[in-house]
Amino acid sequence: MNNIVLVVFSVLLGSLGQITLKMGADKVGKLDLSPGLLLPELVRVFRTPEMIVGVLLFGVSFVTWIKVLTGSQLSLAYPMLSLGYINVVLLSSLLFNEPITLAKICGIALIITGVLILHR
């Protein structure tokens, strides 16, 4: 499979993992990570289906990314991970009603410009 396809797939899975974890975090609520409650809190977190799916998405993204690294220059592949920010901004707007501000639009434009410059 073409490395660019693998990069896009890995970035998409990572973005979906972030979105899914956010859904799970909203469901779980505040965490008390004090020493005596750490283990029960982690059990509570991982009983949430969204958290499990989010971690699985990250796992598949990780394996895909390792495949990318075996056939790409790190200095070209790594900046493409920043494209995940664009996915997260757009999906967060759609799913969580987060605003897309002028600052975010400018940031997205800079990311796209940077990735294009690196790949010329």
Protein backbone atom coordinates (compact mmCIF):
# COMPACT_ATOMS: atom_id res chain seq x y z
CA MET A 1 0.00 0.00 0.00
CA ASN A 2 1.21 3.51 -0.82
CA ASN A 3 2.79 5.28 2.16
CA ILE A 4 0.69 8.41 1.64
CA VAL A 5 -2.45 6.29 1.97
CA LEU A 6 -1.05 4.74 5.15
CA VAL A 7 -0.23 8.19 6.57
CA VAL A 8 -3.75 9.44 5.86
CA PHE A 9 -5.22 6.28 7.39
CA SER A 10 -3.05 6.60 10.50
CA VAL A 11 -3.90 10.30 10.91
CA LEU A 12 -7.61 9.61 10.44
CA LEU A 13 -7.57 6.82 13.02
CA GLY A 14 -5.67 9.01 15.47
CA SER A 15 -8.18 11.82 14.98
CA LEU A 16 -11.12 9.48 15.46
CA GLY A 17 -9.39 8.13 18.56
CA GLN A 18 -9.22 11.65 20.00
CA ILE A 19 -12.89 12.28 19.23
CA THR A 20 -13.94 8.96 20.74
CA LEU A 21 -11.87 9.57 23.88
CA LYS A 22 -13.48 13.00 24.24
CA MET A 23 -16.92 11.36 24.06
CA GLY A 24 -15.82 8.88 26.71
CA ALA A 25 -14.30 11.58 28.90
CA ASP A 26 -17.55 13.55 28.76
CA LYS A 27 -19.38 10.42 29.87
CA VAL A 28 -16.89 9.55 32.64
CA GLY A 29 -16.69 13.05 34.11
CA LYS A 30 -14.05 14.21 36.56
CA LEU A 31 -11.36 11.81 37.65
CA ASP A 32 -9.82 11.58 41.10
CA LEU A 33 -6.28 10.36 40.52
CA SER A 34 -5.16 10.44 44.13
CA PRO A 35 -3.04 7.40 45.07
CA GLY A 36 -5.79 5.38 46.74
CA LEU A 37 -8.29 5.94 43.95
CA LEU A 38 -6.08 5.58 40.88
CA LEU A 39 -6.85 1.93 40.16
CA PRO A 40 -10.64 2.17 40.73
CA GLU A 41 -10.76 5.29 38.56
CA LEU A 42 -8.86 3.58 35.75
CA VAL A 43 -11.26 0.62 35.96
CA ARG A 44 -14.18 3.06 35.75
CA VAL A 45 -12.64 4.75 32.72
CA PHE A 46 -12.05 1.50 30.86
CA ARG A 47 -15.58 0.27 31.50
CA THR A 48 -16.71 3.04 29.17
CA PRO A 49 -17.12 1.70 25.61
CA GLU A 50 -15.94 4.97 24.06
CA MET A 51 -12.67 4.74 25.97
CA ILE A 52 -12.08 1.18 24.80
CA VAL A 53 -12.83 2.10 21.19
CA GLY A 54 -10.60 5.20 21.44
CA VAL A 55 -7.67 3.15 22.72
CA LEU A 56 -8.23 0.54 19.98
CA LEU A 57 -8.26 3.28 17.33
CA PHE A 58 -4.97 4.60 18.71
CA GLY A 59 -3.56 1.07 18.68
CA VAL A 60 -4.37 0.53 15.00
CA SER A 61 -3.09 4.03 14.23
CA PHE A 62 0.16 3.17 16.04
CA VAL A 63 0.68 -0.05 14.06
CA THR A 64 -0.10 1.76 10.81
CA TRP A 65 2.34 4.52 11.74
CA ILE A 66 5.10 1.97 12.40
CA LYS A 67 4.49 0.65 8.87
CA VAL A 68 4.79 4.21 7.53
CA LEU A 69 8.08 4.72 9.36
CA THR A 70 9.59 1.59 7.81
CA GLY A 71 9.22 3.06 4.32
CA SER A 72 9.45 6.83 4.74
CA GLN A 73 11.79 9.58 5.78
CA LEU A 74 10.79 10.65 9.28
CA SER A 75 11.40 14.31 8.42
CA LEU A 76 8.72 14.07 5.70
CA ALA A 77 6.26 11.71 7.36
CA TYR A 78 6.12 13.24 10.85
CA PRO A 79 4.86 16.70 9.83
CA MET A 80 1.89 15.03 8.16
CA LEU A 81 0.63 14.03 11.61
CA SER A 82 -0.26 17.69 12.09
CA LEU A 83 -3.06 17.15 9.57
CA GLY A 84 -4.85 15.36 12.39
CA TYR A 85 -5.38 18.76 14.02
CA ILE A 86 -7.50 19.76 11.02
CA ASN A 87 -9.64 16.64 11.38
CA VAL A 88 -10.10 17.24 15.10
CA VAL A 89 -11.10 20.89 14.61
CA LEU A 90 -13.70 19.97 11.99
CA LEU A 91 -15.08 16.96 13.86
CA SER A 92 -15.15 18.86 17.16
CA SER A 93 -17.21 21.56 15.51
CA LEU A 94 -19.67 19.01 14.12
CA LEU A 95 -19.93 16.73 17.15
CA PHE A 96 -19.27 19.00 20.14
CA ASN A 97 -20.41 22.36 18.74
CA GLU A 98 -16.94 23.81 19.29
CA PRO A 99 -16.46 27.07 17.38
CA ILE A 100 -14.14 27.31 14.41
CA THR A 101 -12.49 30.62 15.16
CA LEU A 102 -10.37 32.81 12.91
CA ALA A 103 -7.32 31.68 14.88
CA LYS A 104 -8.14 28.03 14.15
CA ILE A 105 -8.66 28.80 10.45
CA CYS A 106 -5.29 30.58 10.32
CA GLY A 107 -3.66 27.67 12.13
CA ILE A 108 -5.16 25.20 9.67
CA ALA A 109 -3.91 27.30 6.75
CA LEU A 110 -0.41 27.37 8.24
CA ILE A 111 -0.44 23.61 8.77
CA ILE A 112 -1.50 22.92 5.19
CA THR A 113 1.06 25.40 3.86
CA GLY A 114 3.82 23.86 5.96
CA VAL A 115 3.04 20.31 4.87
CA LEU A 116 2.88 21.37 1.21
CA ILE A 117 6.22 23.21 1.45
CA LEU A 118 7.90 20.19 3.04
CA HIS A 119 6.64 17.88 0.31
CA ARG A 120 7.73 19.96 -2.70
